[in-house]
Amino acid sequence: MKHAFLLSLTLLSLVACSQTKLSTSKIEKVTLKAPIERVGPSSNQQSLIQQNSCFHTNCSPSQFNKSMNELGLIRVYVPNLNDIINALRDQESVIFHNGAEFFVIYAAELQNELLHIINRSRKTIRMSFASFMLEWEQGDYWANSFIKPRELASSSIPKDIGAQLYLMEKQNKKAAIATYKRLIELEVYPGLSYQRLFKIDKETGFASLLNLYKNGLNIYPNEKEIWNGYVSLLIKAGEKEKALKVREKVSKMFQTESPLL
């Protein structure tokens, strides 16, 4: 009986060691340099916690994402610990899920291999990298940062930005418009951005939109969607003669009877 008990303990220890080794394998690539000088949550992070009801309930990750889109924030997937550290360096919080609840990672001590985390009770926790990896594994490695449209950079645009914007148009049109304008500034997805702006932007005046489209055509002279929107704007602005001339030009360019598809 005693031998069986000792054998069971040995097997449990081996399993625990193997799980820890598996879960912490993603830590090895992190370069441990100077600690990040952040010792507490910023006002932005505190506001994030207060506004999103999913921090205080048992929302699913998809419900959480929807809630953040309603707040006008873009989700950027964070796939590994290196990227979490980089997000913190850029002054961005990272939200992760452990299968039961959501947490905010707002700081790190790289020399001590510790993360500073807030739970849904707004309690601050200092968690080791190894413990974090075990917690993160329970949530299938779900982790994201959520940023405002103006904070988008060419390197941080998520692959599903189109799907996010489709939902955001229904939940927070003002934020969706700001995001499309930011994408235009970054010269990313111009066709989509100009097309959707024409459809949903009812607040910006015709003059401003016309200038926006003119600038777009200077940069993207072969984007049919921008030409379509430009012709439609001219018609709405009462410049029908000019619209007809542009339509003829575009018809020849794209070898179609009408550019308004």
C-alpha atoms as a PDB file:
ATOM      1  CA  MET A   1       0.000   0.000   0.000  1.00  0.00           C
ATOM      2  CA  LYS A   2       2.823   2.350   0.961  1.00  0.00           C
ATOM      3  CA  HIS A   3       4.665   1.583  -2.286  1.00  0.00           C
ATOM      4  CA  ALA A   4       1.507   2.226  -4.315  1.00  0.00           C
ATOM      5  CA  PHE A   5       1.053   5.589  -2.583  1.00  0.00           C
ATOM      6  CA  LEU A   6       4.671   6.610  -3.297  1.00  0.00           C
ATOM      7  CA  LEU A   7       4.291   5.510  -6.917  1.00  0.00           C
ATOM      8  CA  SER A   8       1.164   7.648  -7.267  1.00  0.00           C
ATOM      9  CA  LEU A   9       2.993  10.666  -5.852  1.00  0.00           C
ATOM     10  CA  THR A  10       5.879  10.125  -8.265  1.00  0.00           C
ATOM     11  CA  LEU A  11       3.539   9.879 -11.248  1.00  0.00           C
ATOM     12  CA  LEU A  12       1.694  13.039 -10.191  1.00  0.00           C
ATOM     13  CA  SER A  13       4.994  14.909  -9.873  1.00  0.00           C
ATOM     14  CA  LEU A  14       6.091  13.782 -13.329  1.00  0.00           C
ATOM     15  CA  VAL A  15       2.767  14.877 -14.853  1.00  0.00           C
ATOM     16  CA  ALA A  16       2.967  18.263 -13.121  1.00  0.00           C
ATOM     17  CA  CYS A  17       6.539  18.802 -14.301  1.00  0.00           C
ATOM     18  CA  SER A  18       5.691  17.855 -17.875  1.00  0.00           C
ATOM     19  CA  GLN A  19       2.679  20.210 -17.903  1.00  0.00           C
ATOM     20  CA  THR A  20       4.757  23.074 -16.541  1.00  0.00           C
ATOM     21  CA  LYS A  21       7.462  22.453 -19.102  1.00  0.00           C
ATOM     22  CA  LEU A  22       4.893  22.360 -21.911  1.00  0.00           C
ATOM     23  CA  SER A  23       3.068  25.473 -20.794  1.00  0.00           C
ATOM     24  CA  THR A  24       6.156  27.570 -20.125  1.00  0.00           C
ATOM     25  CA  SER A  25       7.846  26.691 -23.414  1.00  0.00           C
ATOM     26  CA  LYS A  26       6.561  29.967 -24.879  1.00  0.00           C
ATOM     27  CA  ILE A  27       8.517  31.940 -22.276  1.00  0.00           C
ATOM     28  CA  GLU A  28      11.970  30.941 -23.473  1.00  0.00           C
ATOM     29  CA  LYS A  29      12.033  33.448 -26.335  1.00  0.00           C
ATOM     30  CA  VAL A  30      11.386  36.479 -24.095  1.00  0.00           C
ATOM     31  CA  THR A  31      14.473  38.655 -23.765  1.00  0.00           C
ATOM     32  CA  LEU A  32      14.827  39.704 -20.144  1.00  0.00           C
ATOM     33  CA  LYS A  33      16.229  43.226 -20.093  1.00  0.00           C
ATOM     34  CA  ALA A  34      15.192  46.201 -18.008  1.00  0.00           C
ATOM     35  CA  PRO A  35      11.792  46.133 -16.276  1.00  0.00           C
ATOM     36  CA  ILE A  36       8.930  48.084 -17.784  1.00  0.00           C
ATOM     37  CA  GLU A  37       8.456  51.192 -15.680  1.00  0.00           C
ATOM     38  CA  ARG A  38       4.741  50.872 -15.000  1.00  0.00           C
ATOM     39  CA  VAL A  39       3.614  50.287 -11.469  1.00  0.00           C
ATOM     40  CA  GLY A  40      -0.131  50.649 -11.674  1.00  0.00           C
ATOM     41  CA  PRO A  41      -3.120  50.740 -13.996  1.00  0.00           C
ATOM     42  CA  SER A  42      -3.582  53.925 -16.006  1.00  0.00           C
ATOM     43  CA  SER A  43      -6.847  55.859 -15.963  1.00  0.00           C
ATOM     44  CA  ASN A  44      -7.572  54.420 -19.411  1.00  0.00           C
ATOM     45  CA  GLN A  45      -7.350  50.871 -18.074  1.00  0.00           C
ATOM     46  CA  GLN A  46      -9.513  51.697 -15.063  1.00  0.00           C
ATOM     47  CA  SER A  47     -12.124  53.175 -17.393  1.00  0.00           C
ATOM     48  CA  LEU A  48     -11.930  50.042 -19.535  1.00  0.00           C
ATOM     49  CA  ILE A  49     -12.784  47.868 -16.545  1.00  0.00           C
ATOM     50  CA  GLN A  50     -15.642  50.106 -15.414  1.00  0.00           C
ATOM     51  CA  GLN A  51     -17.280  50.368 -18.837  1.00  0.00           C
ATOM     52  CA  ASN A  52     -17.121  46.745 -19.962  1.00  0.00           C
ATOM     53  CA  SER A  53     -19.714  44.677 -18.100  1.00  0.00           C
ATOM     54  CA  CYS A  54     -17.968  41.473 -19.210  1.00  0.00           C
ATOM     55  CA  PHE A  55     -15.329  42.036 -16.533  1.00  0.00           C
ATOM     56  CA  HIS A  56     -17.999  41.496 -13.906  1.00  0.00           C
ATOM     57  CA  THR A  57     -20.004  38.670 -15.526  1.00  0.00           C
ATOM     58  CA  ASN A  58     -19.376  35.319 -17.179  1.00  0.00           C
ATOM     59  CA  CYS A  59     -19.326  36.564 -20.774  1.00  0.00           C
ATOM     60  CA  SER A  60     -17.902  34.400 -23.532  1.00  0.00           C
ATOM     61  CA  PRO A  61     -14.844  35.700 -25.431  1.00  0.00           C
ATOM     62  CA  SER A  62     -17.057  36.481 -28.455  1.00  0.00           C
ATOM     63  CA  GLN A  63     -19.433  38.503 -26.246  1.00  0.00           C
ATOM     64  CA  PHE A  64     -16.444  40.296 -24.780  1.00  0.00           C
ATOM     65  CA  ASN A  65     -15.197  41.206 -28.262  1.00  0.00           C
ATOM     66  CA  LYS A  66     -18.633  42.540 -29.202  1.00  0.00           C
ATOM     67  CA  SER A  67     -18.758  44.622 -26.031  1.00  0.00           C
ATOM     68  CA  MET A  68     -15.375  46.176 -26.841  1.00  0.00           C
ATOM     69  CA  ASN A  69     -16.501  46.987 -30.394  1.00  0.00           C
ATOM     70  CA  GLU A  70     -19.501  48.770 -28.886  1.00  0.00           C
ATOM     71  CA  LEU A  71     -17.026  50.907 -26.948  1.00  0.00           C
ATOM     72  CA  GLY A  72     -15.348  51.802 -30.246  1.00  0.00           C
ATOM     73  CA  LEU A  73     -12.183  49.758 -29.738  1.00  0.00           C
ATOM     74  CA  ILE A  74     -10.361  47.581 -32.283  1.00  0.00           C
ATOM     75  CA  ARG A  75      -9.298  44.091 -31.198  1.00  0.00           C
ATOM     76  CA  VAL A  76      -5.689  43.075 -31.910  1.00  0.00           C
ATOM     77  CA  TYR A  77      -4.850  39.423 -31.229  1.00  0.00           C
ATOM     78  CA  VAL A  78      -1.790  38.844 -29.026  1.00  0.00           C
ATOM     79  CA  PRO A  79      -0.504  35.311 -29.743  1.00  0.00           C
ATOM     80  CA  ASN A  80       2.439  34.898 -27.339  1.00  0.00           C
ATOM     81  CA  LEU A  81       4.231  36.257 -24.301  1.00  0.00           C
ATOM     82  CA  ASN A  82       6.699  38.206 -26.435  1.00  0.00           C
ATOM     83  CA  ASP A  83       3.849  40.140 -28.019  1.00  0.00           C
ATOM     84  CA  ILE A  84       2.275  40.742 -24.613  1.00  0.00           C
ATOM     85  CA  ILE A  85       5.542  42.323 -23.449  1.00  0.00           C
ATOM     86  CA  ASN A  86       5.731  44.403 -26.641  1.00  0.00           C
ATOM     87  CA  ALA A  87       2.151  45.606 -26.153  1.00  0.00           C
ATOM     88  CA  LEU A  88       3.014  46.706 -22.622  1.00  0.00           C
ATOM     89  CA  ARG A  89       6.060  48.549 -23.969  1.00  0.00           C
ATOM     90  CA  ASP A  90       3.670  50.414 -26.298  1.00  0.00           C
ATOM     91  CA  GLN A  91       1.560  51.386 -23.263  1.00  0.00           C
ATOM     92  CA  GLU A  92      -1.254  49.020 -24.214  1.00  0.00           C
ATOM     93  CA  SER A  93      -3.035  46.738 -21.784  1.00  0.00           C
ATOM     94  CA  VAL A  94      -3.652  43.114 -22.721  1.00  0.00           C
ATOM     95  CA  ILE A  95      -6.812  41.226 -21.798  1.00  0.00           C
ATOM     96  CA  PHE A  96      -6.600  37.460 -21.335  1.00  0.00           C
ATOM     97  CA  HIS A  97      -9.090  34.752 -20.429  1.00  0.00           C
ATOM     98  CA  ASN A  98      -8.369  31.733 -18.251  1.00  0.00           C
ATOM     99  CA  GLY A  99     -11.496  29.798 -19.168  1.00  0.00           C
ATOM    100  CA  ALA A 100     -13.487  31.291 -16.299  1.00  0.00           C
ATOM    101  CA  GLU A 101     -12.972  35.068 -16.266  1.00  0.00           C
ATOM    102  CA  PHE A 102     -11.124  37.953 -17.910  1.00  0.00           C
ATOM    103  CA  PHE A 103      -8.028  39.697 -16.576  1.00  0.00           C
ATOM    104  CA  VAL A 104      -6.152  42.879 -17.517  1.00  0.00           C
ATOM    105  CA  ILE A 105      -2.368  42.687 -17.793  1.00  0.00           C
ATOM    106  CA  TYR A 106      -1.102  46.220 -17.291  1.00  0.00           C
ATOM    107  CA  ALA A 107       2.595  45.919 -16.356  1.00  0.00           C
ATOM    108  CA  ALA A 108       5.555  43.545 -16.186  1.00  0.00           C
ATOM    109  CA  GLU A 109       8.744  43.096 -14.211  1.00  0.00           C
ATOM    110  CA  LEU A 110      10.995  41.363 -16.703  1.00  0.00           C
ATOM    111  CA  GLN A 111      13.936  40.804 -14.365  1.00  0.00           C
ATOM    112  CA  ASN A 112      11.650  39.103 -11.841  1.00  0.00           C
ATOM    113  CA  GLU A 113       9.540  37.404 -14.565  1.00  0.00           C
ATOM    114  CA  LEU A 114       6.319  38.806 -13.123  1.00  0.00           C
ATOM    115  CA  LEU A 115       3.152  40.248 -14.635  1.00  0.00           C
ATOM    116  CA  HIS A 116       0.876  42.763 -12.907  1.00  0.00           C
ATOM    117  CA  ILE A 117      -2.742  41.738 -13.433  1.00  0.00           C
ATOM    118  CA  ILE A 118      -6.189  43.022 -12.417  1.00  0.00           C
ATOM    119  CA  ASN A 119      -9.066  40.590 -11.919  1.00  0.00           C
ATOM    120  CA  ARG A 120     -12.778  41.346 -12.188  1.00  0.00           C
ATOM    121  CA  SER A 121     -12.904  42.280  -8.493  1.00  0.00           C
ATOM    122  CA  ARG A 122     -10.333  44.987  -9.361  1.00  0.00           C
ATOM    123  CA  LYS A 123      -7.780  43.263  -7.207  1.00  0.00           C
ATOM    124  CA  THR A 124      -4.163  43.631  -8.331  1.00  0.00           C
ATOM    125  CA  ILE A 125      -2.205  40.371  -8.656  1.00  0.00           C
ATOM    126  CA  ARG A 126       1.496  39.798  -9.249  1.00  0.00           C
ATOM    127  CA  MET A 127       1.766  36.585 -11.234  1.00  0.00           C
ATOM    128  CA  SER A 128       4.888  34.740 -12.386  1.00  0.00           C
ATOM    129  CA  PHE A 129       5.354  34.060 -16.085  1.00  0.00           C
ATOM    130  CA  ALA A 130       5.092  30.312 -15.414  1.00  0.00           C
ATOM    131  CA  SER A 131       1.816  30.664 -13.471  1.00  0.00           C
ATOM    132  CA  PHE A 132       0.431  32.961 -16.121  1.00  0.00           C
ATOM    133  CA  MET A 133       1.160  30.437 -18.865  1.00  0.00           C
ATOM    134  CA  LEU A 134      -0.752  27.757 -16.941  1.00  0.00           C
ATOM    135  CA  GLU A 135      -3.710  30.130 -16.459  1.00  0.00           C
ATOM    136  CA  TRP A 136      -3.590  31.257 -20.091  1.00  0.00           C
ATOM    137  CA  GLU A 137      -3.604  27.668 -21.327  1.00  0.00           C
ATOM    138  CA  GLN A 138      -6.953  27.122 -19.569  1.00  0.00           C
ATOM    139  CA  GLY A 139      -8.457  29.828 -21.783  1.00  0.00           C
ATOM    140  CA  ASP A 140      -7.023  28.346 -25.011  1.00  0.00           C
ATOM    141  CA  TYR A 141      -4.493  31.196 -25.165  1.00  0.00           C
ATOM    142  CA  TRP A 142      -7.133  33.873 -25.765  1.00  0.00           C
ATOM    143  CA  ALA A 143      -5.465  37.275 -25.366  1.00  0.00           C
ATOM    144  CA  ASN A 144      -6.075  40.596 -27.091  1.00  0.00           C
ATOM    145  CA  SER A 145      -5.240  44.247 -26.801  1.00  0.00           C
ATOM    146  CA  PHE A 146      -7.980  46.752 -27.601  1.00  0.00           C
ATOM    147  CA  ILE A 147      -7.012  50.078 -29.123  1.00  0.00           C
ATOM    148  CA  LYS A 148      -8.705  53.251 -30.310  1.00  0.00           C
ATOM    149  CA  PRO A 149      -8.928  53.905 -34.074  1.00  0.00           C
ATOM    150  CA  ARG A 150      -6.318  56.687 -33.957  1.00  0.00           C
ATOM    151  CA  GLU A 151      -3.853  54.267 -32.302  1.00  0.00           C
ATOM    152  CA  LEU A 152      -3.926  51.868 -35.259  1.00  0.00           C
ATOM    153  CA  ALA A 153      -0.582  51.426 -37.014  1.00  0.00           C
ATOM    154  CA  SER A 154       0.229  49.638 -40.261  1.00  0.00           C
ATOM    155  CA  SER A 155       1.919  46.870 -38.273  1.00  0.00           C
ATOM    156  CA  SER A 156      -0.996  46.350 -35.876  1.00  0.00           C
ATOM    157  CA  ILE A 157      -3.969  46.105 -38.242  1.00  0.00           C
ATOM    158  CA  PRO A 158      -5.759  42.807 -37.483  1.00  0.00           C
ATOM    159  CA  LYS A 159      -6.549  40.362 -40.267  1.00  0.00           C
ATOM    160  CA  ASP A 160     -10.245  40.454 -39.402  1.00  0.00           C
ATOM    161  CA  ILE A 161     -10.503  44.271 -39.459  1.00  0.00           C
ATOM    162  CA  GLY A 162     -13.261  44.064 -42.098  1.00  0.00           C
ATOM    163  CA  ALA A 163     -15.409  41.766 -39.944  1.00  0.00           C
ATOM    164  CA  GLN A 164     -14.830  43.944 -36.880  1.00  0.00           C
ATOM    165  CA  LEU A 165     -15.818  47.072 -38.769  1.00  0.00           C
ATOM    166  CA  TYR A 166     -18.953  45.372 -40.103  1.00  0.00           C
ATOM    167  CA  LEU A 167     -20.103  44.837 -36.508  1.00  0.00           C
ATOM    168  CA  MET A 168     -18.868  48.230 -35.343  1.00  0.00           C
ATOM    169  CA  GLU A 169     -20.934  50.030 -37.985  1.00  0.00           C
ATOM    170  CA  LYS A 170     -24.040  48.706 -36.231  1.00  0.00           C
ATOM    171  CA  GLN A 171     -22.797  49.244 -32.671  1.00  0.00           C
ATOM    172  CA  ASN A 172     -20.683  52.409 -32.820  1.00  0.00           C
ATOM    173  CA  LYS A 173     -20.912  54.149 -36.193  1.00  0.00           C
ATOM    174  CA  LYS A 174     -18.800  57.107 -35.072  1.00  0.00           C
ATOM    175  CA  ALA A 175     -15.897  54.794 -34.178  1.00  0.00           C
ATOM    176  CA  ALA A 176     -16.307  52.887 -37.452  1.00  0.00           C
ATOM    177  CA  ILE A 177     -16.049  56.139 -39.433  1.00  0.00           C
ATOM    178  CA  ALA A 178     -12.944  57.136 -37.456  1.00  0.00           C
ATOM    179  CA  THR A 179     -11.401  53.733 -38.192  1.00  0.00           C
ATOM    180  CA  TYR A 180     -12.061  53.963 -41.939  1.00  0.00           C
ATOM    181  CA  LYS A 181     -10.478  57.420 -41.985  1.00  0.00           C
ATOM    182  CA  ARG A 182      -7.489  56.084 -40.078  1.00  0.00           C
ATOM    183  CA  LEU A 183      -7.096  53.244 -42.598  1.00  0.00           C
ATOM    184  CA  ILE A 184      -7.130  55.828 -45.383  1.00  0.00           C
ATOM    185  CA  GLU A 185      -4.359  57.746 -43.601  1.00  0.00           C
ATOM    186  CA  LEU A 186      -2.349  54.541 -43.339  1.00  0.00           C
ATOM    187  CA  GLU A 187      -3.065  53.759 -47.016  1.00  0.00           C
ATOM    188  CA  VAL A 188      -4.520  50.358 -46.113  1.00  0.00           C
ATOM    189  CA  TYR A 189      -7.716  48.860 -47.599  1.00  0.00           C
ATOM    190  CA  PRO A 190      -8.525  52.048 -49.552  1.00  0.00           C
ATOM    191  CA  GLY A 191     -11.328  50.557 -51.680  1.00  0.00           C
ATOM    192  CA  LEU A 192     -13.216  49.235 -48.668  1.00  0.00           C
ATOM    193  CA  SER A 193     -12.656  52.366 -46.583  1.00  0.00           C
ATOM    194  CA  TYR A 194     -13.840  54.860 -49.202  1.00  0.00           C
ATOM    195  CA  GLN A 195     -16.816  52.700 -50.136  1.00  0.00           C
ATOM    196  CA  ARG A 196     -18.007  52.320 -46.551  1.00  0.00           C
ATOM    197  CA  LEU A 197     -17.426  55.996 -45.730  1.00  0.00           C
ATOM    198  CA  PHE A 198     -19.701  56.966 -48.592  1.00  0.00           C
ATOM    199  CA  LYS A 199     -22.381  54.590 -47.286  1.00  0.00           C
ATOM    200  CA  ILE A 200     -22.347  55.444 -43.575  1.00  0.00           C
ATOM    201  CA  ASP A 201     -20.764  58.890 -43.074  1.00  0.00           C
ATOM    202  CA  LYS A 202     -23.732  61.240 -42.890  1.00  0.00           C
ATOM    203  CA  GLU A 203     -22.061  63.742 -40.552  1.00  0.00           C
ATOM    204  CA  THR A 204     -19.135  64.919 -42.668  1.00  0.00           C
ATOM    205  CA  GLY A 205     -20.215  67.585 -45.170  1.00  0.00           C
ATOM    206  CA  PHE A 206     -20.132  67.029 -48.929  1.00  0.00           C
ATOM    207  CA  ALA A 207     -17.229  69.447 -49.351  1.00  0.00           C
ATOM    208  CA  SER A 208     -15.032  67.532 -46.904  1.00  0.00           C
ATOM    209  CA  LEU A 209     -15.985  64.182 -48.396  1.00  0.00           C
ATOM    210  CA  LEU A 210     -15.313  65.439 -51.914  1.00  0.00           C
ATOM    211  CA  ASN A 211     -11.846  66.613 -50.868  1.00  0.00           C
ATOM    212  CA  LEU A 212     -11.238  63.264 -49.208  1.00  0.00           C
ATOM    213  CA  TYR A 213     -12.175  61.449 -52.420  1.00  0.00           C
ATOM    214  CA  LYS A 214     -10.104  63.797 -54.588  1.00  0.00           C
ATOM    215  CA  ASN A 215      -7.054  63.090 -52.444  1.00  0.00           C
ATOM    216  CA  GLY A 216      -7.841  59.393 -52.624  1.00  0.00           C
ATOM    217  CA  LEU A 217      -7.970  59.447 -56.416  1.00  0.00           C
ATOM    218  CA  ASN A 218      -4.575  61.146 -56.529  1.00  0.00           C
ATOM    219  CA  ILE A 219      -3.134  58.266 -54.506  1.00  0.00           C
ATOM    220  CA  TYR A 220      -5.235  55.418 -55.940  1.00  0.00           C
ATOM    221  CA  PRO A 221      -6.209  56.397 -59.512  1.00  0.00           C
ATOM    222  CA  ASN A 222      -7.151  52.798 -60.373  1.00  0.00           C
ATOM    223  CA  GLU A 223      -9.494  52.141 -57.444  1.00  0.00           C
ATOM    224  CA  LYS A 224     -12.954  51.738 -58.983  1.00  0.00           C
ATOM    225  CA  GLU A 225     -14.755  52.058 -55.631  1.00  0.00           C
ATOM    226  CA  ILE A 226     -13.270  55.511 -55.059  1.00  0.00           C
ATOM    227  CA  TRP A 227     -14.353  56.661 -58.508  1.00  0.00           C
ATOM    228  CA  ASN A 228     -17.861  55.287 -57.851  1.00  0.00           C
ATOM    229  CA  GLY A 229     -18.135  57.213 -54.621  1.00  0.00           C
ATOM    230  CA  TYR A 230     -16.737  60.374 -56.198  1.00  0.00           C
ATOM    231  CA  VAL A 231     -19.308  60.330 -59.009  1.00  0.00           C
ATOM    232  CA  SER A 232     -22.138  59.718 -56.525  1.00  0.00           C
ATOM    233  CA  LEU A 233     -20.956  62.575 -54.323  1.00  0.00           C
ATOM    234  CA  LEU A 234     -20.854  64.930 -57.291  1.00  0.00           C
ATOM    235  CA  ILE A 235     -24.447  63.997 -58.153  1.00  0.00           C
ATOM    236  CA  LYS A 236     -25.588  64.525 -54.545  1.00  0.00           C
ATOM    237  CA  ALA A 237     -23.769  67.853 -54.456  1.00  0.00           C
ATOM    238  CA  GLY A 238     -25.728  68.975 -57.510  1.00  0.00           C
ATOM    239  CA  GLU A 239     -22.739  68.922 -59.888  1.00  0.00           C
ATOM    240  CA  LYS A 240     -24.453  66.688 -62.450  1.00  0.00           C
ATOM    241  CA  GLU A 241     -22.567  67.928 -65.513  1.00  0.00           C
ATOM    242  CA  LYS A 242     -19.217  67.289 -63.869  1.00  0.00           C
ATOM    243  CA  ALA A 243     -20.473  63.904 -62.661  1.00  0.00           C
ATOM    244  CA  LEU A 244     -21.408  62.917 -66.234  1.00  0.00           C
ATOM    245  CA  LYS A 245     -17.967  63.889 -67.547  1.00  0.00           C
ATOM    246  CA  VAL A 246     -16.250  61.899 -64.786  1.00  0.00           C
ATOM    247  CA  ARG A 247     -18.582  58.955 -65.456  1.00  0.00           C
ATOM    248  CA  GLU A 248     -17.602  58.936 -69.146  1.00  0.00           C
ATOM    249  CA  LYS A 249     -13.917  59.049 -68.203  1.00  0.00           C
ATOM    250  CA  VAL A 250     -14.307  56.187 -65.732  1.00  0.00           C
ATOM    251  CA  SER A 251     -16.357  54.136 -68.209  1.00  0.00           C
ATOM    252  CA  LYS A 252     -13.441  54.273 -70.636  1.00  0.00           C
ATOM    253  CA  MET A 253     -10.905  53.518 -67.909  1.00  0.00           C
ATOM    254  CA  PHE A 254     -12.682  50.390 -66.697  1.00  0.00           C
ATOM    255  CA  GLN A 255     -14.315  49.493 -70.022  1.00  0.00           C
ATOM    256  CA  THR A 256     -17.801  49.465 -68.556  1.00  0.00           C
ATOM    257  CA  GLU A 257     -20.972  51.374 -69.388  1.00  0.00           C
ATOM    258  CA  SER A 258     -21.289  52.791 -65.902  1.00  0.00           C
ATOM    259  CA  PRO A 259     -18.818  53.079 -63.028  1.00  0.00           C
ATOM    260  CA  LEU A 260     -21.661  53.025 -60.530  1.00  0.00           C
ATOM    261  CA  LEU A 261     -21.661  49.325 -59.736  1.00  0.00           C
END
